[in-house]
């Protein structure tokens, strides 16, 4: 035990240093957003000036911050709804239902993941905005991200790890496949759902290229696009541009941090074997 003590102390020191490195950007961002005169120099790590909320008020005066937040929430919620609905259904069908061609379809799905979205963006814009007339709409922003093949892959792998005996017992009792999915499969893959929610949330919440392309009306732009326009066109006209930019970055980053804290307890291995006697 004594020989392990120095190793354990060294491990804790390394982990603490890694945590400080990870936390520092958030610390710098929050401190800069609340300072009267933030700087980008190393001296800014140790604030000496006064504290103020004027930076948040300044950015809110020059762009519709609450409206942009609402647009981001609607955009992200729509993508999450489609990702969970189709991801769970497709993952279950590819893992637990036996039908001809499911292996080929899974390979095609993996191939689709290798196609960069930037390559499809212009054809998608022509189709969504031109053919469907969905420019400057929530549906136009959500539609290209409504089905996430990464989520399908994650759910498929989790469903494959579940014991087949539980599904067979439910089918013998007369449960339909939808009932089996809802009552048995989904409760056992909560870690996968938490992972998919977090990954999917970060994507559309920070997405810039597609909303920037599909939305021309400033009132429909999500927060990431609105902040980019603010930095490019308006930031230098305010008295404290660095503080206003960091305040906007706080507004963009805070929901992701809160979501991670809420779902952190679900990032644990589920006790899959507990549902099978033997």
Protein backbone atom coordinates (compact mmCIF):
# COMPACT_ATOMS: atom_id res chain seq x y z
CA UNK A 1 0.00 0.00 0.00
CA UNK A 2 2.84 2.39 0.81
CA UNK A 3 4.45 1.75 -2.57
CA UNK A 4 1.21 2.68 -4.30
CA UNK A 5 0.84 6.00 -2.47
CA UNK A 6 3.38 8.01 -4.56
CA UNK A 7 1.89 6.63 -7.77
CA UNK A 8 -1.61 7.58 -6.67
CA UNK A 9 -0.50 11.07 -5.67
CA UNK A 10 1.22 11.54 -9.03
CA UNK A 11 -1.95 10.38 -10.78
CA UNK A 12 -4.09 12.87 -8.86
CA UNK A 13 -1.63 15.67 -9.65
CA UNK A 14 -1.74 14.88 -13.37
CA UNK A 15 -5.55 14.70 -13.33
CA UNK A 16 -5.76 18.00 -11.46
CA UNK A 17 -3.47 19.70 -13.98
CA UNK A 18 -5.51 18.28 -16.86
CA UNK A 19 -8.70 19.56 -15.21
CA UNK A 20 -7.19 23.04 -14.83
CA UNK A 21 -6.17 23.08 -18.50
CA UNK A 22 -9.69 22.05 -19.48
CA UNK A 23 -11.40 24.59 -17.22
CA UNK A 24 -9.16 27.54 -18.07
CA UNK A 25 -10.92 28.56 -21.36
CA UNK A 26 -14.26 28.65 -19.54
CA UNK A 27 -12.71 30.64 -16.71
CA UNK A 28 -11.19 33.16 -19.13
CA UNK A 29 -14.46 33.47 -21.03
CA UNK A 30 -16.62 34.05 -17.93
CA UNK A 31 -14.16 36.47 -16.34
CA UNK A 32 -13.80 38.42 -19.59
CA UNK A 33 -17.57 38.62 -20.02
CA UNK A 34 -17.98 40.10 -16.54
CA UNK A 35 -15.02 42.50 -16.59
CA UNK A 36 -15.34 46.17 -17.45
CA UNK A 37 -12.16 46.10 -19.55
CA UNK A 38 -11.12 42.54 -20.43
CA UNK A 39 -7.88 41.92 -22.33
CA UNK A 40 -6.50 39.07 -24.41
CA UNK A 41 -3.07 39.27 -22.79
CA UNK A 42 -1.82 36.86 -20.09
CA UNK A 43 -2.56 39.56 -17.51
CA UNK A 44 -6.25 38.98 -18.20
CA UNK A 45 -5.99 35.66 -16.35
CA UNK A 46 -5.97 37.60 -13.09
CA UNK A 47 -8.76 40.20 -13.22
CA UNK A 48 -8.14 43.45 -11.42
CA UNK A 49 -10.86 45.69 -12.89
CA UNK A 50 -14.46 46.13 -11.91
CA UNK A 51 -17.28 43.68 -12.56
CA UNK A 52 -20.28 44.46 -14.71
CA UNK A 53 -23.18 42.94 -16.65
CA UNK A 54 -22.99 45.72 -19.22
CA UNK A 55 -21.33 43.41 -21.75
CA UNK A 56 -24.44 41.23 -21.88
CA UNK A 57 -26.66 44.30 -22.17
CA UNK A 58 -24.44 45.69 -24.93
CA UNK A 59 -24.67 42.61 -27.12
CA UNK A 60 -28.40 42.31 -26.47
CA UNK A 61 -28.93 45.87 -27.69
CA UNK A 62 -27.26 45.23 -31.05
CA UNK A 63 -28.64 41.79 -31.85
CA UNK A 64 -31.86 40.01 -30.77
CA UNK A 65 -30.11 37.76 -28.26
CA UNK A 66 -33.25 36.16 -26.83
CA UNK A 67 -34.68 35.62 -30.31
CA UNK A 68 -31.41 34.05 -31.47
CA UNK A 69 -31.42 31.79 -28.41
CA UNK A 70 -34.99 30.75 -29.18
CA UNK A 71 -34.05 29.96 -32.79
CA UNK A 72 -31.15 27.81 -31.57
CA UNK A 73 -33.43 25.99 -29.11
CA UNK A 74 -36.06 25.25 -31.78
CA UNK A 75 -33.41 24.18 -34.30
CA UNK A 76 -31.65 21.90 -31.80
CA UNK A 77 -34.89 20.46 -30.35
CA UNK A 78 -36.14 19.56 -33.83
CA UNK A 79 -32.89 17.80 -34.66
CA UNK A 80 -32.95 15.95 -31.33
CA UNK A 81 -36.53 14.81 -31.92
CA UNK A 82 -35.71 13.37 -35.32
CA UNK A 83 -32.43 11.86 -34.17
CA UNK A 84 -33.95 10.00 -31.22
CA UNK A 85 -37.11 8.91 -33.04
CA UNK A 86 -35.45 7.57 -36.18
CA UNK A 87 -32.21 6.58 -34.45
CA UNK A 88 -33.90 4.32 -31.92
CA UNK A 89 -36.25 2.83 -34.51
CA UNK A 90 -33.57 2.23 -37.14
CA UNK A 91 -31.03 0.99 -34.61
CA UNK A 92 -33.54 -1.53 -33.26
CA UNK A 93 -34.53 -2.67 -36.75
CA UNK A 94 -30.90 -3.14 -37.81
CA UNK A 95 -29.98 -5.08 -34.69
CA UNK A 96 -32.99 -7.08 -33.53
CA UNK A 97 -35.24 -7.59 -36.56
CA UNK A 98 -34.27 -10.17 -39.16
CA UNK A 99 -35.05 -9.04 -42.69
CA UNK A 100 -33.35 -9.37 -46.04
CA UNK A 101 -30.89 -6.63 -46.91
CA UNK A 102 -30.26 -5.22 -43.44
CA UNK A 103 -26.50 -5.90 -43.72
CA UNK A 104 -26.30 -4.11 -47.06
CA UNK A 105 -28.28 -1.18 -45.70
CA UNK A 106 -25.94 -0.93 -42.70
CA UNK A 107 -22.90 -0.83 -44.99
CA UNK A 108 -24.55 1.88 -47.11
CA UNK A 109 -25.26 3.84 -43.95
CA UNK A 110 -21.59 3.65 -42.94
CA UNK A 111 -20.65 4.81 -46.42
CA UNK A 112 -22.93 7.84 -46.10
CA UNK A 113 -21.01 8.86 -42.96
CA UNK A 114 -17.85 9.25 -45.04
CA UNK A 115 -19.42 11.88 -47.32
CA UNK A 116 -18.62 15.37 -45.97
CA UNK A 117 -21.63 17.57 -45.39
CA UNK A 118 -19.91 20.46 -47.18
CA UNK A 119 -20.02 18.39 -50.38
CA UNK A 120 -23.81 18.06 -50.14
CA UNK A 121 -24.56 21.55 -48.89
CA UNK A 122 -25.12 23.30 -52.24
CA UNK A 123 -27.40 20.56 -53.70
CA UNK A 124 -29.28 20.51 -50.40
CA UNK A 125 -29.72 24.26 -50.50
CA UNK A 126 -31.09 24.12 -54.06
CA UNK A 127 -33.50 21.37 -53.06
CA UNK A 128 -34.60 22.73 -49.67
CA UNK A 129 -34.77 26.43 -50.53
CA UNK A 130 -35.60 26.18 -54.23
CA UNK A 131 -37.74 23.06 -54.67
CA UNK A 132 -39.38 22.97 -51.24
CA UNK A 133 -39.45 26.72 -50.56
CA UNK A 134 -38.22 26.27 -46.99
CA UNK A 135 -35.74 29.13 -46.85
CA UNK A 136 -35.90 31.21 -43.66
CA UNK A 137 -37.91 28.52 -41.87
CA UNK A 138 -37.23 26.19 -38.98
CA UNK A 139 -38.09 23.20 -41.17
CA UNK A 140 -35.45 24.25 -43.68
CA UNK A 141 -32.80 24.36 -40.95
CA UNK A 142 -33.83 21.06 -39.36
CA UNK A 143 -34.51 18.87 -42.40
CA UNK A 144 -30.89 18.02 -43.43
CA UNK A 145 -30.05 16.98 -39.85
CA UNK A 146 -33.30 15.18 -39.03
CA UNK A 147 -31.77 11.70 -39.39
CA UNK A 148 -28.33 11.13 -37.86
CA UNK A 149 -26.49 8.01 -39.04
CA UNK A 150 -24.05 8.25 -36.14
CA UNK A 151 -26.95 7.94 -33.71
CA UNK A 152 -28.28 4.92 -35.62
CA UNK A 153 -24.86 3.26 -35.36
CA UNK A 154 -24.59 3.94 -31.60
CA UNK A 155 -28.09 2.60 -30.88
CA UNK A 156 -27.49 -0.46 -33.06
CA UNK A 157 -24.34 -1.39 -31.16
CA UNK A 158 -26.07 -0.97 -27.79
CA UNK A 159 -29.09 -3.00 -28.88
CA UNK A 160 -26.80 -5.80 -30.09
CA UNK A 161 -25.32 -6.02 -26.57
CA UNK A 162 -28.72 -6.77 -25.02
CA UNK A 163 -29.53 -10.44 -24.28
CA UNK A 164 -31.74 -12.00 -26.91
CA UNK A 165 -33.63 -13.96 -24.24
CA UNK A 166 -35.43 -10.83 -23.00
CA UNK A 167 -36.79 -10.06 -26.46
CA UNK A 168 -37.87 -13.64 -27.07
CA UNK A 169 -39.66 -13.78 -23.71
CA UNK A 170 -41.54 -10.56 -24.49
CA UNK A 171 -42.58 -11.84 -27.92
CA UNK A 172 -43.79 -15.12 -26.40
CA UNK A 173 -45.94 -13.09 -23.99
CA UNK A 174 -47.55 -11.43 -27.00
CA UNK A 175 -45.78 -8.07 -27.00
CA UNK A 176 -45.51 -6.30 -30.34
CA UNK A 177 -42.14 -5.11 -31.64
CA UNK A 178 -43.05 -1.52 -30.80
CA UNK A 179 -43.91 -2.61 -27.25
CA UNK A 180 -40.64 -4.52 -26.97
CA UNK A 181 -38.71 -1.47 -28.14
CA UNK A 182 -40.49 0.94 -25.80
CA UNK A 183 -40.75 -1.21 -22.64
CA UNK A 184 -37.60 -3.33 -22.78
CA UNK A 185 -34.96 -2.00 -25.16
CA UNK A 186 -35.10 1.75 -24.56
CA UNK A 187 -34.87 1.60 -20.71
CA UNK A 188 -31.70 -0.50 -21.03
CA UNK A 189 -29.89 1.89 -23.39
CA UNK A 190 -30.16 5.08 -21.35
CA UNK A 191 -26.36 5.61 -21.49
CA UNK A 192 -26.60 5.50 -25.28
CA UNK A 193 -29.51 7.96 -25.27
CA UNK A 194 -27.53 10.34 -23.04
CA UNK A 195 -24.52 10.08 -25.34
CA UNK A 196 -26.58 10.69 -28.46
CA UNK A 197 -28.42 13.63 -26.89
CA UNK A 198 -25.17 15.31 -25.89
CA UNK A 199 -23.43 14.69 -29.23
CA UNK A 200 -26.48 15.73 -31.23
CA UNK A 201 -27.10 18.82 -29.11
CA UNK A 202 -23.56 20.13 -29.61
CA UNK A 203 -23.80 19.72 -33.39
CA UNK A 204 -26.84 21.87 -34.29
CA UNK A 205 -26.31 24.22 -31.35
CA UNK A 206 -22.91 25.24 -32.75
CA UNK A 207 -23.79 24.75 -36.42
CA UNK A 208 -22.94 27.76 -38.55
CA UNK A 209 -22.62 26.94 -42.26
CA UNK A 210 -26.07 25.52 -43.00
CA UNK A 211 -28.14 28.03 -40.96
CA UNK A 212 -26.04 30.84 -42.42
CA UNK A 213 -26.81 29.55 -45.92
CA UNK A 214 -30.52 28.84 -45.47
CA UNK A 215 -31.48 31.92 -43.41
CA UNK A 216 -31.33 35.45 -44.78
CA UNK A 217 -33.74 37.00 -42.29
CA UNK A 218 -31.84 38.04 -39.14
CA UNK A 219 -34.86 37.19 -36.97
CA UNK A 220 -34.59 33.52 -38.03
CA UNK A 221 -30.86 33.08 -37.48
CA UNK A 222 -29.68 30.91 -34.56
CA UNK A 223 -27.25 32.23 -31.99
CA UNK A 224 -24.06 30.95 -33.67
CA UNK A 225 -24.89 32.82 -36.90
CA UNK A 226 -26.06 35.93 -35.08
CA UNK A 227 -22.83 36.07 -33.06
CA UNK A 228 -20.70 35.65 -36.17
CA UNK A 229 -22.53 38.54 -37.86
CA UNK A 230 -22.12 40.59 -34.70
CA UNK A 231 -18.37 39.97 -34.53
CA UNK A 232 -17.92 40.77 -38.21
CA UNK A 233 -20.05 43.90 -38.44
CA UNK A 234 -20.89 45.44 -35.07
CA UNK A 235 -18.42 44.38 -32.37
CA UNK A 236 -15.86 47.11 -33.07
CA UNK A 237 -18.48 49.83 -32.68
CA UNK A 238 -19.08 49.16 -28.98
CA UNK A 239 -16.98 50.52 -26.12
CA UNK A 240 -15.86 47.08 -24.93
CA UNK A 241 -15.79 44.71 -27.95
CA UNK A 242 -13.87 41.90 -26.23
CA UNK A 243 -16.30 41.84 -23.31
CA UNK A 244 -19.33 41.78 -25.60
CA UNK A 245 -17.88 38.96 -27.71
CA UNK A 246 -17.06 36.91 -24.60
CA UNK A 247 -20.56 37.57 -23.24
CA UNK A 248 -22.01 36.14 -26.45
CA UNK A 249 -19.68 33.16 -26.19
CA UNK A 250 -20.96 32.54 -22.65
CA UNK A 251 -24.54 32.56 -23.89
CA UNK A 252 -23.60 30.03 -26.58
CA UNK A 253 -21.57 27.71 -24.34
CA UNK A 254 -23.68 27.73 -21.16
CA UNK A 255 -26.51 25.43 -22.39
CA UNK A 256 -23.99 22.78 -23.49
CA UNK A 257 -22.29 22.82 -20.08
CA UNK A 258 -25.65 22.59 -18.28
CA UNK A 259 -26.75 19.69 -20.49
CA UNK A 260 -23.52 17.81 -19.83
CA UNK A 261 -23.91 18.28 -16.07
CA UNK A 262 -27.51 17.03 -16.21
CA UNK A 263 -26.68 13.92 -18.26
CA UNK A 264 -23.36 13.11 -16.61
CA UNK A 265 -24.90 10.59 -14.21
CA UNK A 266 -26.18 8.52 -17.16
CA UNK A 267 -22.69 7.95 -18.59
CA UNK A 268 -22.36 4.63 -16.83
CA UNK A 269 -22.45 1.07 -18.03
CA UNK A 270 -25.95 -0.35 -17.76
CA UNK A 271 -26.48 -3.63 -15.89
CA UNK A 272 -27.69 -5.52 -18.93
CA UNK A 273 -27.27 -8.96 -17.44
CA UNK A 274 -29.60 -8.21 -14.54
CA UNK A 275 -32.62 -8.84 -16.73
CA UNK A 276 -31.67 -12.47 -17.45
CA UNK A 277 -31.81 -15.27 -14.89
CA UNK A 278 -29.39 -18.12 -15.06
